[in-house]
Amino acid sequence: MNKYYLKKQALKRFIYYFPVGILVGHIISIIISFIYGNGYYLTCSPQFINKIGNEINALILQTILCGIIGSSFASLSIIFEIEKWSLLKQTIIYFISTSIIMMFIAYNLYWVEHNINSILIYFFTFAMFFIIFWIIQYLIFKNNINKINKKIKLK
């Protein structure tokens, strides 16, 4: 694949998945509110609201950053279409890129406490979810390839 195609696909994914990031961020805020809100909806972390100055501006900024998370994860997935790279190299680069973006945003939105223990726990949790989702996707793709190969053998 040529570089123009990869850049075009990455940009398309960035634009299309911005609303997906917003949706996921909203769903997560509902879950967090359900667990910690005592019947109230927690739009953002109190520390982030204090840092920004008011709840509406904090919510707007958090919404934009959630969109950027969705866009970044989607557009960076183009890495897996670089055929000259090994799956290991693709995975490592994707993991490093997404973990940096995720940690930067999570830290600035105060989704993670600003101490080394919380940061390490957050990173470990991110890594575990990444590994689980990677294995699931790998098994799905491997199963699909096996099905295609079986159909080819039958012909």
C-alpha atoms as a PDB file:
ATOM      1  CA  MET A   1       0.000   0.000   0.000  1.00  0.00           C
ATOM      2  CA  ASN A   2       1.195   3.463  -0.762  1.00  0.00           C
ATOM      3  CA  LYS A   3       1.703   6.263   1.744  1.00  0.00           C
ATOM      4  CA  TYR A   4      -1.076   8.388   0.238  1.00  0.00           C
ATOM      5  CA  TYR A   5      -3.633   5.624   0.836  1.00  0.00           C
ATOM      6  CA  LEU A   6      -2.449   5.105   4.427  1.00  0.00           C
ATOM      7  CA  LYS A   7      -2.595   8.838   5.216  1.00  0.00           C
ATOM      8  CA  LYS A   8      -6.048   9.155   3.644  1.00  0.00           C
ATOM      9  CA  GLN A   9      -7.373   6.167   5.617  1.00  0.00           C
ATOM     10  CA  ALA A  10      -5.835   7.441   8.862  1.00  0.00           C
ATOM     11  CA  LEU A  11      -7.465  10.870   8.363  1.00  0.00           C
ATOM     12  CA  LYS A  12     -10.830   9.272   7.506  1.00  0.00           C
ATOM     13  CA  ARG A  13     -10.676   7.127  10.637  1.00  0.00           C
ATOM     14  CA  PHE A  14      -9.673  10.134  12.731  1.00  0.00           C
ATOM     15  CA  ILE A  15     -12.766  12.036  11.591  1.00  0.00           C
ATOM     16  CA  TYR A  16     -15.225   9.119  11.721  1.00  0.00           C
ATOM     17  CA  TYR A  17     -14.196   7.878  15.151  1.00  0.00           C
ATOM     18  CA  PHE A  18     -14.219  11.234  16.939  1.00  0.00           C
ATOM     19  CA  PRO A  19     -17.920  10.764  17.857  1.00  0.00           C
ATOM     20  CA  VAL A  20     -17.216   7.175  18.926  1.00  0.00           C
ATOM     21  CA  GLY A  21     -14.648   8.466  21.415  1.00  0.00           C
ATOM     22  CA  ILE A  22     -17.202  10.935  22.752  1.00  0.00           C
ATOM     23  CA  LEU A  23     -19.792   8.162  23.114  1.00  0.00           C
ATOM     24  CA  VAL A  24     -17.376   5.855  24.940  1.00  0.00           C
ATOM     25  CA  GLY A  25     -16.310   8.691  27.249  1.00  0.00           C
ATOM     26  CA  HIS A  26     -19.951   9.436  28.032  1.00  0.00           C
ATOM     27  CA  ILE A  27     -20.721   5.785  28.753  1.00  0.00           C
ATOM     28  CA  ILE A  28     -17.703   5.601  31.061  1.00  0.00           C
ATOM     29  CA  SER A  29     -18.855   8.734  32.922  1.00  0.00           C
ATOM     30  CA  ILE A  30     -22.266   7.114  33.428  1.00  0.00           C
ATOM     31  CA  ILE A  31     -20.632   3.953  34.803  1.00  0.00           C
ATOM     32  CA  ILE A  32     -18.384   5.984  37.111  1.00  0.00           C
ATOM     33  CA  SER A  33     -21.385   8.025  38.261  1.00  0.00           C
ATOM     34  CA  PHE A  34     -23.319   4.835  38.946  1.00  0.00           C
ATOM     35  CA  ILE A  35     -20.465   3.463  41.071  1.00  0.00           C
ATOM     36  CA  TYR A  36     -19.264   6.617  42.833  1.00  0.00           C
ATOM     37  CA  GLY A  37     -21.934   9.281  42.343  1.00  0.00           C
ATOM     38  CA  ASN A  38     -24.413   8.332  45.080  1.00  0.00           C
ATOM     39  CA  GLY A  39     -27.311   8.983  42.692  1.00  0.00           C
ATOM     40  CA  TYR A  40     -25.699  12.007  41.005  1.00  0.00           C
ATOM     41  CA  TYR A  41     -24.169  12.300  37.552  1.00  0.00           C
ATOM     42  CA  LEU A  42     -20.469  13.121  37.746  1.00  0.00           C
ATOM     43  CA  THR A  43     -19.662  14.996  34.557  1.00  0.00           C
ATOM     44  CA  CYS A  44     -15.927  15.234  35.250  1.00  0.00           C
ATOM     45  CA  SER A  45     -13.550  14.665  38.119  1.00  0.00           C
ATOM     46  CA  PRO A  46     -13.837  17.389  40.782  1.00  0.00           C
ATOM     47  CA  GLN A  47     -10.093  18.093  40.481  1.00  0.00           C
ATOM     48  CA  PHE A  48     -10.452  18.728  36.736  1.00  0.00           C
ATOM     49  CA  ILE A  49     -13.449  21.020  37.272  1.00  0.00           C
ATOM     50  CA  ASN A  50     -11.435  22.989  39.854  1.00  0.00           C
ATOM     51  CA  LYS A  51      -8.467  23.208  37.471  1.00  0.00           C
ATOM     52  CA  ILE A  52     -10.605  24.486  34.578  1.00  0.00           C
ATOM     53  CA  GLY A  53     -12.727  26.781  36.724  1.00  0.00           C
ATOM     54  CA  ASN A  54     -16.258  25.581  36.027  1.00  0.00           C
ATOM     55  CA  GLU A  55     -18.167  22.412  35.186  1.00  0.00           C
ATOM     56  CA  ILE A  56     -19.370  23.314  31.673  1.00  0.00           C
ATOM     57  CA  ASN A  57     -15.907  24.254  30.392  1.00  0.00           C
ATOM     58  CA  ALA A  58     -14.447  21.119  31.983  1.00  0.00           C
ATOM     59  CA  LEU A  59     -17.147  18.995  30.329  1.00  0.00           C
ATOM     60  CA  ILE A  60     -16.547  20.593  26.920  1.00  0.00           C
ATOM     61  CA  LEU A  61     -12.791  19.998  27.159  1.00  0.00           C
ATOM     62  CA  GLN A  62     -13.285  16.433  28.415  1.00  0.00           C
ATOM     63  CA  THR A  63     -15.690  15.743  25.522  1.00  0.00           C
ATOM     64  CA  ILE A  64     -13.148  16.995  22.982  1.00  0.00           C
ATOM     65  CA  LEU A  65     -10.359  14.936  24.565  1.00  0.00           C
ATOM     66  CA  CYS A  66     -12.550  11.803  24.570  1.00  0.00           C
ATOM     67  CA  GLY A  67     -13.153  12.398  20.871  1.00  0.00           C
ATOM     68  CA  ILE A  68      -9.400  12.671  20.359  1.00  0.00           C
ATOM     69  CA  ILE A  69      -8.915   9.343  22.155  1.00  0.00           C
ATOM     70  CA  GLY A  70     -11.391   7.627  19.820  1.00  0.00           C
ATOM     71  CA  SER A  71      -9.882   9.307  16.770  1.00  0.00           C
ATOM     72  CA  SER A  72      -6.338   8.468  17.802  1.00  0.00           C
ATOM     73  CA  PHE A  73      -7.005   4.802  18.483  1.00  0.00           C
ATOM     74  CA  ALA A  74      -8.796   4.457  15.144  1.00  0.00           C
ATOM     75  CA  SER A  75      -6.352   6.410  13.010  1.00  0.00           C
ATOM     76  CA  LEU A  76      -3.327   4.717  14.569  1.00  0.00           C
ATOM     77  CA  SER A  77      -4.836   1.329  13.692  1.00  0.00           C
ATOM     78  CA  ILE A  78      -3.576   2.039  10.170  1.00  0.00           C
ATOM     79  CA  ILE A  79      -0.257   0.770  11.557  1.00  0.00           C
ATOM     80  CA  PHE A  80      -1.637  -2.759  11.188  1.00  0.00           C
ATOM     81  CA  GLU A  81      -1.910  -2.214   7.429  1.00  0.00           C
ATOM     82  CA  ILE A  82       1.796  -1.528   6.940  1.00  0.00           C
ATOM     83  CA  GLU A  83       2.632  -4.817   5.267  1.00  0.00           C
ATOM     84  CA  LYS A  84       6.406  -4.543   5.488  1.00  0.00           C
ATOM     85  CA  TRP A  85       6.258  -4.439   9.300  1.00  0.00           C
ATOM     86  CA  SER A  86       5.951  -7.573  11.412  1.00  0.00           C
ATOM     87  CA  LEU A  87       2.897  -8.041  13.614  1.00  0.00           C
ATOM     88  CA  LEU A  88       5.155  -7.652  16.656  1.00  0.00           C
ATOM     89  CA  LYS A  89       6.491  -4.283  15.432  1.00  0.00           C
ATOM     90  CA  GLN A  90       2.978  -3.099  14.547  1.00  0.00           C
ATOM     91  CA  THR A  91       1.657  -4.097  17.957  1.00  0.00           C
ATOM     92  CA  ILE A  92       4.511  -2.496  19.896  1.00  0.00           C
ATOM     93  CA  ILE A  93       4.270   0.803  18.000  1.00  0.00           C
ATOM     94  CA  TYR A  94       0.474   0.873  18.322  1.00  0.00           C
ATOM     95  CA  PHE A  95       0.653   0.056  22.039  1.00  0.00           C
ATOM     96  CA  ILE A  96       3.283   2.699  22.780  1.00  0.00           C
ATOM     97  CA  SER A  97       1.441   5.345  20.753  1.00  0.00           C
ATOM     98  CA  THR A  98      -1.981   4.697  22.256  1.00  0.00           C
ATOM     99  CA  SER A  99      -0.677   4.334  25.792  1.00  0.00           C
ATOM    100  CA  ILE A 100       1.117   7.697  25.584  1.00  0.00           C
ATOM    101  CA  ILE A 101      -2.012   9.420  24.287  1.00  0.00           C
ATOM    102  CA  MET A 102      -4.256   7.695  26.810  1.00  0.00           C
ATOM    103  CA  MET A 103      -1.968   8.404  29.757  1.00  0.00           C
ATOM    104  CA  PHE A 104      -1.504  12.051  28.784  1.00  0.00           C
ATOM    105  CA  ILE A 105      -5.253  12.629  28.520  1.00  0.00           C
ATOM    106  CA  ALA A 106      -6.150  10.555  31.588  1.00  0.00           C
ATOM    107  CA  TYR A 107      -3.550  12.410  33.650  1.00  0.00           C
ATOM    108  CA  ASN A 108      -4.734  15.845  32.518  1.00  0.00           C
ATOM    109  CA  LEU A 109      -8.414  15.013  33.036  1.00  0.00           C
ATOM    110  CA  TYR A 110      -7.586  13.698  36.526  1.00  0.00           C
ATOM    111  CA  TRP A 111      -8.915  10.250  35.667  1.00  0.00           C
ATOM    112  CA  VAL A 112      -5.820   9.060  37.460  1.00  0.00           C
ATOM    113  CA  GLU A 113      -4.481  10.528  40.676  1.00  0.00           C
ATOM    114  CA  HIS A 114      -1.278  12.476  40.285  1.00  0.00           C
ATOM    115  CA  ASN A 115       1.052  10.090  42.092  1.00  0.00           C
ATOM    116  CA  ILE A 116       3.347   7.340  40.852  1.00  0.00           C
ATOM    117  CA  ASN A 117       1.327   4.437  42.330  1.00  0.00           C
ATOM    118  CA  SER A 118      -1.898   5.541  40.641  1.00  0.00           C
ATOM    119  CA  ILE A 119      -0.106   6.138  37.352  1.00  0.00           C
ATOM    120  CA  LEU A 120       1.464   2.669  37.452  1.00  0.00           C
ATOM    121  CA  ILE A 121      -1.867   1.036  38.311  1.00  0.00           C
ATOM    122  CA  TYR A 122      -3.568   2.960  35.490  1.00  0.00           C
ATOM    123  CA  PHE A 123      -0.860   1.954  33.013  1.00  0.00           C
ATOM    124  CA  PHE A 124      -1.002  -1.695  34.130  1.00  0.00           C
ATOM    125  CA  THR A 125      -4.797  -1.700  33.760  1.00  0.00           C
ATOM    126  CA  PHE A 126      -4.500  -0.152  30.286  1.00  0.00           C
ATOM    127  CA  ALA A 127      -1.892  -2.753  29.311  1.00  0.00           C
ATOM    128  CA  MET A 128      -4.063  -5.628  30.552  1.00  0.00           C
ATOM    129  CA  PHE A 129      -7.096  -4.416  28.599  1.00  0.00           C
ATOM    130  CA  PHE A 130      -4.883  -3.902  25.545  1.00  0.00           C
ATOM    131  CA  ILE A 131      -3.561  -7.474  25.765  1.00  0.00           C
ATOM    132  CA  ILE A 132      -7.040  -8.950  26.233  1.00  0.00           C
ATOM    133  CA  PHE A 133      -8.497  -7.050  23.265  1.00  0.00           C
ATOM    134  CA  TRP A 134      -5.447  -7.823  21.120  1.00  0.00           C
ATOM    135  CA  ILE A 135      -5.759 -11.568  21.803  1.00  0.00           C
ATOM    136  CA  ILE A 136      -9.497 -11.526  21.054  1.00  0.00           C
ATOM    137  CA  GLN A 137      -8.940  -9.707  17.754  1.00  0.00           C
ATOM    138  CA  TYR A 138      -6.064 -11.988  16.846  1.00  0.00           C
ATOM    139  CA  LEU A 139      -8.186 -15.099  17.431  1.00  0.00           C
ATOM    140  CA  ILE A 140     -11.078 -13.653  15.404  1.00  0.00           C
ATOM    141  CA  PHE A 141      -8.783 -12.825  12.459  1.00  0.00           C
ATOM    142  CA  LYS A 142      -7.085 -16.205  12.673  1.00  0.00           C
ATOM    143  CA  ASN A 143     -10.474 -17.949  12.641  1.00  0.00           C
ATOM    144  CA  ASN A 144     -11.593 -15.904   9.613  1.00  0.00           C
ATOM    145  CA  ILE A 145      -8.387 -16.764   7.758  1.00  0.00           C
ATOM    146  CA  ASN A 146      -8.903 -20.459   8.515  1.00  0.00           C
ATOM    147  CA  LYS A 147     -12.458 -20.259   7.134  1.00  0.00           C
ATOM    148  CA  ILE A 148     -11.214 -18.592   3.955  1.00  0.00           C
ATOM    149  CA  ASN A 149      -8.476 -21.211   3.541  1.00  0.00           C
ATOM    150  CA  LYS A 150     -11.032 -24.020   3.941  1.00  0.00           C
ATOM    151  CA  LYS A 151     -13.226 -22.473   1.229  1.00  0.00           C
ATOM    152  CA  ILE A 152     -10.221 -22.174  -1.065  1.00  0.00           C
ATOM    153  CA  LYS A 153      -9.309 -25.835  -0.524  1.00  0.00           C
ATOM    154  CA  LEU A 154     -12.849 -26.923  -1.378  1.00  0.00           C
ATOM    155  CA  LYS A 155     -12.620 -25.235  -4.786  1.00  0.00           C
END
